[in-house]
Amino acid sequence: MSVAIRRILLMCMLLSLALQGCALPGAAGQKTTPGALGNAVETVAASTVQAALTREAGSVPAEATPAPDATSTPAPAGEEKPAATQTPAAQEPPMFIPFDNLRVAFIDTTRNLSVWSDDKGVIQVTNTNDVVALRVSPDGEQIAYVRAAPDQTNANLWVINRDGSAARPVFNQQQMAKMAPVTGALGIYPAQFEWIPGQNQLAVSTRGVMAGPGQIYSNNVVLVDLARKIVDGLLPPGKGGMFAFSPDGKKIAVTRPDGLDIANSDGKNRATLMVFPPINTASEYQYYPVPVWAVDSQSLTVAIPPEAPLNDASAMTMLWRVPADGRPPTRLTSVLTAPLVWPLIAPGGKMVAYLSSGKEPNGPMNVNVTGVDDGVIQNITNNGGSLAAWSADGKMLVFFEHKASAPLITAPGGKAAQLSSAVNVKAVVFSASGHAVILSQADKKWEIRIGTPGLESDVIASFPLNDVMPQIDTMR
């Protein structure tokens, strides 16, 4: 019997018992927890922002349009609302989300790749003992994965069908080194490899693997049409960066440590829309802003932290909306984050979560959420530890409390509840359908769980602990 069927039967039993309980004198009321969650996004960087509209070579340069000066036209930062004064909003009980057509892929402690589906269970699809990274295609039918040594040298990019058939190489080490050589590198490794929305294509950028700390990014973008077996050098080394395709697959945002560009997905009509000083991360690593696209693909939201976060604890992180049509960006609001702790922008770019410094230097931090349009800050808790992810619709936040190992979920202004019964959680990934995929430890073993947030989760795989940390991914 499949996991979904067992879950549906369980829900029916619980519903029957609840209905009977309503007819009994003194039946206790049920506490409610937040509803379904979805996908996670990432964070952002840089400072004192200036926007300029330029064109790629071959077209007439446009006159630079500076963005509003952060010092002369401050945006409203909102007033923080203490958690004790907030009244949690009413929330609907979580509704079980069927596992129909869900795919979950994971790398186990033997460094092999497996795929779970509700109809077939777990299928191990590789036996090479060298898989180190993975990405599931949006339809769940293919998995892109990296094979490499534990130190990331001798990396090769592969694609395989979810049933284990048609494993084929995309790039080997020699091909990646030829595309974008890095002087002094021990090897070349995929810095990013992502599925382009709505297309059977992968976008890939590379970086050098160095002997010491730090990474040397090639700042390139290569497109691979898997069906036609065509490779297109979209942006050559030095002309690209970290990238994010719009939901409709028609635009690409490219970020560098000192700027942000938008172009058509074929690389044409590229314009530089933001320029800013690189962030001082107090390390060998450069920081690349990670923009979040609006659902309609018409704009994106990006956060630009201060240039030197450790030098001025009062310096604000600025939030900007960047139109996809080439118009200058608009400054939205600003937030005061803990130094070198980057905000987490929700999918759709409407909300942002961030950690602010607490009363004690190494004690709990404040978890805050703000709407980028109204700038109103809501304090979620003053016992925060870290941020995990937003739901796919950008309405619910997953976070860890200070020194806690079980994540909580909440809607801004609502009451936090436990994500699932899993404890000692190490990673959480959310599918576009709202399922939570959880990597946790229990009884000296790794467990991979799936479930509806706020309800019991099911273990789909487990394996003994060793020094290899498993990885998880799902359809996004």
Protein backbone atom coordinates (compact mmCIF):
# COMPACT_ATOMS: atom_id res chain seq x y z
CA MET A 1 0.00 0.00 0.00
CA SER A 2 1.45 3.38 -1.00
CA VAL A 3 2.36 6.15 1.42
CA ALA A 4 -0.40 8.37 0.02
CA ILE A 5 -3.08 5.71 0.49
CA ARG A 6 -1.97 5.03 4.05
CA ARG A 7 -2.05 8.74 4.76
CA ILE A 8 -5.54 9.18 3.31
CA LEU A 9 -6.86 6.25 5.35
CA LEU A 10 -5.31 7.75 8.47
CA MET A 11 -6.90 11.12 7.80
CA CYS A 12 -10.28 9.50 7.31
CA MET A 13 -9.94 7.71 10.64
CA LEU A 14 -8.97 10.91 12.40
CA LEU A 15 -11.89 12.76 10.83
CA SER A 16 -14.27 10.04 11.98
CA LEU A 17 -12.93 10.21 15.53
CA ALA A 18 -13.15 14.01 15.52
CA LEU A 19 -16.79 13.91 14.46
CA GLN A 20 -17.58 11.45 17.21
CA GLY A 21 -15.73 13.63 19.72
CA CYS A 22 -17.88 16.62 18.79
CA ALA A 23 -20.95 14.72 20.03
CA LEU A 24 -19.40 13.85 23.39
CA PRO A 25 -19.85 16.13 26.41
CA GLY A 26 -16.63 17.98 27.28
CA ALA A 27 -14.80 17.10 24.05
CA ALA A 28 -11.53 19.07 23.95
CA GLY A 29 -10.91 21.55 21.11
CA GLN A 30 -8.11 20.96 18.63
CA LYS A 31 -5.17 23.33 18.26
CA THR A 32 -4.58 24.44 14.70
CA THR A 33 -1.29 24.72 12.86
CA PRO A 34 -0.36 26.59 9.68
CA GLY A 35 -1.08 25.28 6.22
CA ALA A 36 1.01 23.94 3.39
CA LEU A 37 4.44 25.16 2.49
CA GLY A 38 6.38 25.12 -0.82
CA ASN A 39 9.77 26.11 -2.21
CA ALA A 40 12.84 27.75 -0.83
CA VAL A 41 14.80 30.69 -2.23
CA GLU A 42 17.94 32.25 -1.40
CA THR A 43 19.58 35.47 -0.14
CA VAL A 44 21.34 38.60 -1.45
CA ALA A 45 24.11 41.23 -1.15
CA ALA A 46 26.10 44.56 -1.74
CA SER A 47 25.59 48.28 -0.82
CA THR A 48 25.31 52.03 -1.69
CA VAL A 49 23.36 51.43 -4.83
CA GLN A 50 23.37 53.22 -8.10
CA ALA A 51 21.41 52.04 -11.14
CA ALA A 52 22.62 52.54 -14.66
CA LEU A 53 20.95 51.54 -17.90
CA THR A 54 23.52 50.34 -20.44
CA ARG A 55 23.40 48.21 -23.53
CA GLU A 56 25.69 45.38 -24.69
CA ALA A 57 28.19 46.04 -27.46
CA GLY A 58 26.58 46.57 -30.83
CA SER A 59 23.84 48.90 -29.61
CA VAL A 60 23.76 52.56 -28.64
CA PRO A 61 24.69 53.06 -24.92
CA ALA A 62 21.94 54.62 -22.85
CA GLU A 63 22.58 57.40 -20.41
CA ALA A 64 23.09 56.10 -16.85
CA THR A 65 20.10 56.63 -14.59
CA PRO A 66 21.18 56.84 -10.93
CA ALA A 67 18.97 55.25 -8.32
CA PRO A 68 17.81 57.36 -5.36
CA ASP A 69 20.62 58.13 -2.92
CA ALA A 70 20.26 55.94 0.16
CA THR A 71 21.51 58.72 2.44
CA SER A 72 19.33 61.53 1.12
CA THR A 73 16.06 59.68 0.48
CA PRO A 74 15.71 56.99 3.14
CA ALA A 75 12.90 54.51 2.59
CA PRO A 76 10.58 53.70 5.48
CA ALA A 77 12.00 50.85 7.53
CA GLY A 78 8.79 50.30 9.51
CA GLU A 79 8.42 49.95 13.23
CA GLU A 80 9.20 46.63 14.86
CA LYS A 81 6.24 45.07 16.63
CA PRO A 82 7.18 43.15 19.80
CA ALA A 83 6.02 39.54 19.69
CA ALA A 84 4.26 39.88 23.05
CA THR A 85 1.89 42.53 21.70
CA GLN A 86 0.83 40.64 18.61
CA THR A 87 -2.39 38.68 18.40
CA PRO A 88 -1.85 35.53 16.28
CA ALA A 89 -4.03 35.49 13.20
CA ALA A 90 -6.62 32.76 12.81
CA GLN A 91 -5.26 29.94 10.66
CA GLU A 92 -6.92 27.03 8.94
CA PRO A 93 -5.88 23.52 10.00
CA PRO A 94 -3.42 21.94 7.56
CA MET A 95 -5.01 19.84 4.84
CA PHE A 96 -3.20 16.71 3.71
CA ILE A 97 -1.61 17.12 0.27
CA PRO A 98 -1.61 13.88 -1.75
CA PHE A 99 1.75 12.66 -3.01
CA ASP A 100 0.45 12.11 -6.54
CA ASN A 101 3.21 12.65 -9.14
CA LEU A 102 5.69 13.84 -6.50
CA ARG A 103 9.35 12.96 -7.06
CA VAL A 104 12.11 13.22 -4.48
CA ALA A 105 15.77 12.58 -5.30
CA PHE A 106 18.57 12.17 -2.79
CA ILE A 107 22.24 11.32 -2.45
CA ASP A 108 22.80 8.72 0.27
CA THR A 109 25.84 8.08 2.47
CA THR A 110 27.40 5.84 -0.18
CA ARG A 111 27.29 8.84 -2.52
CA ASN A 112 24.81 7.19 -4.86
CA LEU A 113 21.69 8.77 -6.31
CA SER A 114 18.17 7.45 -5.62
CA VAL A 115 14.69 8.61 -6.65
CA TRP A 116 11.45 8.20 -4.66
CA SER A 117 7.94 8.31 -6.09
CA ASP A 118 4.67 7.26 -4.53
CA ASP A 119 4.00 4.66 -7.20
CA LYS A 120 7.44 3.03 -7.29
CA GLY A 121 9.00 3.82 -3.90
CA VAL A 122 12.79 4.26 -3.80
CA ILE A 123 14.87 3.32 -6.85
CA GLN A 124 18.66 3.58 -6.69
CA VAL A 125 19.70 4.93 -10.09
CA THR A 126 23.53 5.06 -9.79
CA ASN A 127 26.18 2.78 -8.31
CA THR A 128 29.29 4.89 -8.95
CA ASN A 129 29.78 6.08 -5.35
CA ASP A 130 30.80 9.56 -6.49
CA VAL A 131 27.63 11.72 -6.70
CA VAL A 132 28.05 15.05 -4.86
CA ALA A 133 25.24 17.37 -6.07
CA LEU A 134 21.81 17.10 -7.76
CA ARG A 135 18.92 19.05 -9.30
CA VAL A 136 15.49 17.57 -10.08
CA SER A 137 13.78 18.82 -13.23
CA PRO A 138 10.50 20.73 -12.70
CA ASP A 139 8.46 17.80 -14.07
CA GLY A 140 10.39 15.27 -11.96
CA GLU A 141 11.30 13.15 -14.97
CA GLN A 142 15.05 13.86 -15.02
CA ILE A 143 17.81 14.53 -12.52
CA ALA A 144 20.98 16.46 -13.28
CA TYR A 145 23.86 15.49 -11.00
CA VAL A 146 27.58 16.04 -10.47
CA ARG A 147 30.04 13.19 -10.13
CA ALA A 148 33.34 14.17 -8.49
CA ALA A 149 35.96 13.28 -5.93
CA PRO A 150 35.17 14.30 -2.33
CA ASP A 151 37.37 17.41 -2.75
CA GLN A 152 35.30 18.39 -5.85
CA THR A 153 38.12 17.70 -8.30
CA ASN A 154 37.55 15.67 -11.48
CA ALA A 155 33.95 16.87 -11.65
CA ASN A 156 31.58 15.71 -14.42
CA LEU A 157 27.97 16.78 -15.03
CA TRP A 158 25.44 14.05 -15.89
CA VAL A 159 21.69 13.68 -16.50
CA ILE A 160 19.58 10.57 -15.86
CA ASN A 161 15.91 9.66 -16.13
CA ARG A 162 14.05 9.12 -12.87
CA ASP A 163 13.79 5.37 -13.50
CA GLY A 164 17.57 5.06 -13.89
CA SER A 165 17.56 4.85 -17.67
CA ALA A 166 19.45 6.95 -20.21
CA ALA A 167 22.30 8.12 -17.98
CA ARG A 168 24.39 10.43 -20.15
CA PRO A 169 27.23 12.90 -19.61
CA VAL A 170 26.65 16.60 -20.22
CA PHE A 171 30.16 17.94 -19.57
CA ASN A 172 33.30 16.12 -18.50
CA GLN A 173 36.21 17.75 -16.69
CA GLN A 174 38.20 18.40 -19.86
CA GLN A 175 35.25 20.10 -21.55
CA MET A 176 34.57 22.38 -18.59
CA ALA A 177 38.25 23.28 -18.30
CA LYS A 178 38.31 24.17 -22.00
CA MET A 179 35.13 26.29 -21.73
CA ALA A 180 36.41 28.40 -18.85
CA PRO A 181 39.97 27.72 -17.68
CA VAL A 182 41.02 29.07 -14.27
CA THR A 183 44.73 29.63 -13.65
CA GLY A 184 46.05 27.70 -10.66
CA ALA A 185 42.86 25.70 -10.14
CA LEU A 186 42.95 22.01 -9.23
CA GLY A 187 39.89 21.48 -11.41
CA ILE A 188 36.69 23.06 -12.71
CA TYR A 189 33.36 22.54 -10.93
CA PRO A 190 29.76 23.56 -11.79
CA ALA A 191 29.10 26.69 -9.75
CA GLN A 192 25.43 26.51 -10.80
CA PHE A 193 23.44 24.03 -12.83
CA GLU A 194 19.74 24.77 -13.08
CA TRP A 195 16.79 23.63 -15.18
CA ILE A 196 15.29 26.41 -17.32
CA PRO A 197 11.54 26.74 -16.65
CA GLY A 198 9.35 25.20 -19.34
CA GLN A 199 12.26 23.83 -21.38
CA ASN A 200 14.32 20.65 -21.57
CA GLN A 201 17.47 22.68 -21.05
CA LEU A 202 20.12 23.13 -18.41
CA ALA A 203 21.98 26.35 -17.66
CA VAL A 204 25.48 25.90 -16.25
CA SER A 205 28.18 28.17 -14.86
CA THR A 206 31.57 27.08 -13.56
CA ARG A 207 34.23 27.93 -10.99
CA GLY A 208 37.74 26.88 -10.18
CA VAL A 209 38.50 24.46 -7.34
CA MET A 210 41.39 25.97 -5.40
CA ALA A 211 43.88 24.34 -3.02
CA GLY A 212 43.16 26.88 -0.28
CA PRO A 213 40.07 28.75 0.88
CA GLY A 214 38.08 30.85 -1.54
CA GLN A 215 36.53 30.21 -4.94
CA ILE A 216 37.29 31.67 -8.35
CA TYR A 217 34.10 32.02 -10.40
CA SER A 218 34.40 31.99 -14.17
CA ASN A 219 31.31 34.24 -14.48
CA ASN A 220 30.05 32.37 -17.53
CA VAL A 221 26.68 30.85 -18.52
CA VAL A 222 26.31 27.89 -20.89
CA LEU A 223 22.99 26.49 -22.14
CA VAL A 224 22.56 22.80 -22.94
CA ASP A 225 19.60 21.64 -25.05
CA LEU A 226 19.34 18.01 -23.91
CA ALA A 227 16.90 16.93 -26.61
CA ARG A 228 18.88 18.36 -29.53
CA LYS A 229 22.28 17.87 -27.84
CA ILE A 230 23.24 21.47 -28.61
CA VAL A 231 25.55 23.54 -26.40
CA ASP A 232 25.25 27.33 -26.54
CA GLY A 233 27.85 29.52 -24.86
CA LEU A 234 25.27 32.09 -23.75
CA LEU A 235 27.66 34.32 -21.80
CA PRO A 236 31.43 33.79 -22.15
CA PRO A 237 33.79 33.85 -19.15
CA GLY A 238 33.83 37.25 -17.51
CA LYS A 239 30.52 38.31 -19.09
CA GLY A 240 28.17 36.30 -16.87
CA GLY A 241 27.87 35.51 -13.19
CA MET A 242 25.32 33.85 -10.94
CA PHE A 243 22.00 33.60 -12.77
CA ALA A 244 18.26 33.26 -12.21
CA PHE A 245 15.74 32.60 -14.99
CA SER A 246 12.29 34.16 -14.83
CA PRO A 247 9.33 31.81 -14.15
CA ASP A 248 8.24 32.00 -17.79
CA GLY A 249 11.78 31.19 -18.95
CA LYS A 250 11.99 34.28 -21.17
CA LYS A 251 14.40 36.42 -19.12
CA ILE A 252 17.64 35.85 -17.27
CA ALA A 253 19.00 37.94 -14.38
CA VAL A 254 22.76 37.84 -13.97
CA THR A 255 24.50 39.07 -10.83
CA ARG A 256 28.10 39.93 -10.13
CA PRO A 257 29.71 41.14 -6.89
CA ASP A 258 29.26 44.69 -8.20
CA GLY A 259 26.13 44.68 -10.36
CA LEU A 260 22.96 43.14 -11.78
CA ASP A 261 21.98 42.68 -15.45
CA ILE A 262 18.81 41.47 -17.16
CA ALA A 263 18.67 40.00 -20.66
CA ASN A 264 16.46 37.84 -22.82
CA SER A 265 16.99 34.13 -22.21
CA ASP A 266 19.07 33.99 -25.42
CA GLY A 267 21.42 36.66 -24.02
CA LYS A 268 20.17 39.47 -26.27
CA ASN A 269 18.94 42.92 -25.18
CA ARG A 270 21.10 42.83 -22.07
CA ALA A 271 21.05 45.88 -19.81
CA THR A 272 22.96 46.66 -16.61
CA LEU A 273 20.31 47.87 -14.16
CA MET A 274 22.23 48.06 -10.89
CA VAL A 275 25.84 48.82 -9.95
CA PHE A 276 27.18 48.84 -6.39
CA PRO A 277 30.43 48.34 -4.47
CA PRO A 278 31.32 44.72 -3.63
CA ILE A 279 30.50 43.65 -0.08
CA ASN A 280 33.34 43.20 2.36
CA THR A 281 32.63 39.66 3.62
CA ALA A 282 35.81 39.57 5.75
CA SER A 283 36.77 36.36 3.91
CA GLU A 284 38.18 35.05 0.64
CA TYR A 285 34.66 34.61 -0.75
CA GLN A 286 32.92 37.16 -2.92
CA TYR A 287 29.24 37.75 -2.37
CA TYR A 288 26.81 37.57 -5.28
CA PRO A 289 23.28 39.01 -4.88
CA VAL A 290 20.54 36.45 -5.55
CA PRO A 291 17.43 38.11 -7.01
CA VAL A 292 13.91 36.68 -6.64
CA TRP A 293 11.54 36.94 -9.59
CA ALA A 294 7.91 38.03 -9.36
CA VAL A 295 5.38 35.36 -10.27
CA ASP A 296 4.43 37.24 -13.45
CA SER A 297 8.10 37.51 -14.55
CA GLN A 298 7.74 41.30 -14.90
CA SER A 299 10.19 42.28 -12.14
CA LEU A 300 12.47 40.93 -9.45
CA THR A 301 13.31 41.84 -5.86
CA VAL A 302 16.88 42.08 -4.63
CA ALA A 303 18.45 42.99 -1.28
CA ILE A 304 21.70 44.97 -1.18
CA PRO A 305 23.46 44.84 2.21
CA PRO A 306 25.90 47.56 3.32
CA GLU A 307 29.35 47.68 1.78
CA ALA A 308 31.15 47.04 5.10
CA PRO A 309 28.67 45.32 7.46
CA LEU A 310 31.20 44.77 10.23
CA ASN A 311 32.26 48.43 10.33
CA ASP A 312 28.83 49.95 10.99
CA ALA A 313 26.25 47.95 12.93
CA SER A 314 23.58 50.55 12.12
CA ALA A 315 23.98 50.31 8.33
CA MET A 316 20.77 49.16 6.62
CA THR A 317 20.16 46.52 3.97
CA MET A 318 18.24 48.05 1.06
CA LEU A 319 15.47 46.25 -0.81
CA TRP A 320 14.90 47.09 -4.47
CA ARG A 321 12.43 46.15 -7.19
CA VAL A 322 14.01 45.81 -10.63
CA PRO A 323 11.66 45.91 -13.67
CA ALA A 324 12.40 43.29 -16.32
CA ASP A 325 11.77 45.76 -19.16
CA GLY A 326 14.94 47.77 -18.51
CA ARG A 327 13.48 50.65 -16.52
CA PRO A 328 15.52 51.86 -13.50
CA PRO A 329 15.02 50.00 -10.21
CA THR A 330 12.81 51.34 -7.43
CA ARG A 331 13.92 51.39 -3.83
CA LEU A 332 11.29 49.72 -1.64
CA THR A 333 12.34 49.69 2.01
CA SER A 334 15.29 48.89 4.28
CA VAL A 335 15.95 46.50 7.17
CA LEU A 336 18.60 46.29 9.88
CA THR A 337 20.05 42.78 9.83
CA ALA A 338 22.66 41.15 12.01
CA PRO A 339 26.09 41.70 10.36
CA LEU A 340 26.87 39.23 7.57
CA VAL A 341 23.53 37.45 8.03
CA TRP A 342 21.71 37.89 4.75
CA PRO A 343 17.93 38.33 4.34
CA LEU A 344 15.73 35.59 2.87
CA ILE A 345 13.36 36.89 0.20
CA ALA A 346 10.12 34.96 -0.26
CA PRO A 347 9.14 33.52 -3.65
CA GLY A 348 7.35 36.22 -5.62
CA GLY A 349 9.44 38.92 -3.92
CA LYS A 350 6.67 40.34 -1.70
CA MET A 351 8.06 39.45 1.74
CA VAL A 352 11.50 39.21 3.30
CA ALA A 353 12.63 37.50 6.51
CA TYR A 354 15.80 38.45 8.33
CA LEU A 355 17.65 38.03 11.62
CA SER A 356 18.52 41.06 13.73
CA SER A 357 20.93 41.17 16.63
CA GLY A 358 19.59 40.21 20.05
CA LYS A 359 20.49 41.59 23.46
CA GLU A 360 23.52 39.32 23.91
CA PRO A 361 26.37 39.04 21.37
CA ASN A 362 26.21 35.24 21.03
CA GLY A 363 22.66 34.77 22.23
CA PRO A 364 19.36 34.39 20.40
CA MET A 365 18.59 36.71 17.51
CA ASN A 366 15.30 38.29 16.53
CA VAL A 367 13.41 36.73 13.63
CA ASN A 368 11.59 39.46 11.70
CA VAL A 369 9.43 39.62 8.58
CA THR A 370 8.58 42.68 6.52
CA GLY A 371 6.53 43.38 3.43
CA VAL A 372 8.73 44.98 0.82
CA ASP A 373 5.99 47.36 -0.30
CA ASP A 374 4.70 48.63 3.06
CA GLY A 375 7.93 48.25 5.08
CA VAL A 376 5.97 47.18 8.18
CA ILE A 377 8.14 44.94 10.37
CA GLN A 378 6.67 42.04 12.31
CA ASN A 379 8.69 40.33 15.01
CA ILE A 380 8.20 36.55 14.82
CA THR A 381 10.34 35.61 17.83
CA ASN A 382 13.20 36.96 19.95
CA ASN A 383 14.57 33.43 20.36
CA GLY A 384 15.70 32.94 16.78
CA GLY A 385 18.57 30.84 15.55
CA SER A 386 18.39 30.65 11.74
CA LEU A 387 16.10 30.93 8.74
CA ALA A 388 15.27 27.85 6.68
CA ALA A 389 12.84 28.58 3.84
CA TRP A 390 9.66 30.25 2.64
CA SER A 391 6.64 28.41 1.30
CA ALA A 392 6.14 28.26 -2.46
CA ASP A 393 3.48 30.96 -2.30
CA GLY A 394 5.70 33.17 -0.13
CA LYS A 395 3.18 33.32 2.73
CA MET A 396 4.75 31.08 5.38
CA LEU A 397 8.22 30.99 6.91
CA VAL A 398 10.23 28.08 8.29
CA PHE A 399 12.84 28.90 10.93
CA PHE A 400 14.83 27.38 13.79
CA GLU A 401 14.81 28.77 17.30
CA HIS A 402 18.07 29.30 19.16
CA LYS A 403 19.84 25.95 19.76
CA ALA A 404 16.71 24.07 18.62
CA SER A 405 16.87 21.18 16.15
CA ALA A 406 13.18 21.02 15.15
CA PRO A 407 12.07 23.77 12.75
CA LEU A 408 8.92 25.84 13.20
CA ILE A 409 6.51 27.22 10.60
CA THR A 410 4.48 30.39 10.80
CA ALA A 411 2.53 32.85 8.74
CA PRO A 412 3.57 36.46 9.46
CA GLY A 413 1.36 37.60 12.32
CA GLY A 414 0.36 34.02 13.12
CA LYS A 415 1.36 31.51 15.75
CA ALA A 416 4.38 29.28 15.12
CA ALA A 417 3.92 25.51 15.10
CA GLN A 418 6.21 22.54 14.59
CA LEU A 419 6.93 21.69 10.95
CA SER A 420 6.63 17.94 11.62
CA SER A 421 7.55 15.37 14.26
CA ALA A 422 11.11 15.16 12.88
CA VAL A 423 13.84 16.35 15.24
CA ASN A 424 17.53 17.07 14.67
CA VAL A 425 16.63 18.44 11.24
CA LYS A 426 19.56 19.30 8.97
CA ALA A 427 17.82 20.42 5.77
CA VAL A 428 14.34 21.27 4.50
CA VAL A 429 13.31 21.56 0.83
CA PHE A 430 9.82 22.37 -0.39
CA SER A 431 8.15 21.19 -3.57
CA ALA A 432 6.06 23.44 -5.77
CA SER A 433 3.04 21.36 -4.70
CA GLY A 434 3.53 22.27 -1.03
CA HIS A 435 5.25 19.17 0.35
CA ALA A 436 8.10 19.36 2.85
CA VAL A 437 11.12 17.15 2.19
CA ILE A 438 13.14 16.83 5.39
CA LEU A 439 16.63 15.48 6.13
CA SER A 440 17.02 14.59 9.80
CA GLN A 441 18.91 12.35 12.22
CA ALA A 442 17.33 9.81 14.55
CA ASP A 443 18.66 6.75 16.41
CA LYS A 444 22.13 7.00 14.87
CA LYS A 445 20.82 7.08 11.34
CA TRP A 446 19.85 9.54 8.63
CA GLU A 447 16.19 9.81 7.72
CA ILE A 448 14.56 11.38 4.68
CA ARG A 449 10.95 12.34 5.31
CA ILE A 450 8.13 13.83 3.27
CA GLY A 451 4.82 15.25 4.37
CA THR A 452 2.35 18.07 4.56
CA PRO A 453 3.73 20.85 6.79
CA GLY A 454 2.03 20.80 10.18
CA LEU A 455 1.12 17.11 9.89
CA GLU A 456 3.02 13.91 10.58
CA SER A 457 5.76 13.17 8.03
CA ASP A 458 6.63 9.77 6.56
CA VAL A 459 10.12 8.24 6.38
CA ILE A 460 10.88 7.28 2.78
CA ALA A 461 14.53 6.31 3.28
CA SER A 462 17.06 5.83 6.08
CA PHE A 463 20.70 4.81 6.29
CA PRO A 464 23.43 4.61 8.98
CA LEU A 465 25.34 7.72 9.98
CA ASN A 466 28.84 8.24 8.62
CA ASP A 467 30.91 11.26 7.60
CA VAL A 468 28.88 11.82 4.39
CA MET A 469 25.93 14.17 4.71
CA PRO A 470 23.07 13.18 2.37
CA GLN A 471 21.54 15.73 -0.01
CA ILE A 472 17.89 16.12 -1.01
CA ASP A 473 15.94 17.79 -3.81
CA THR A 474 12.47 17.71 -5.31
CA MET A 475 10.29 19.24 -8.04
CA ARG A 476 10.26 23.02 -7.71
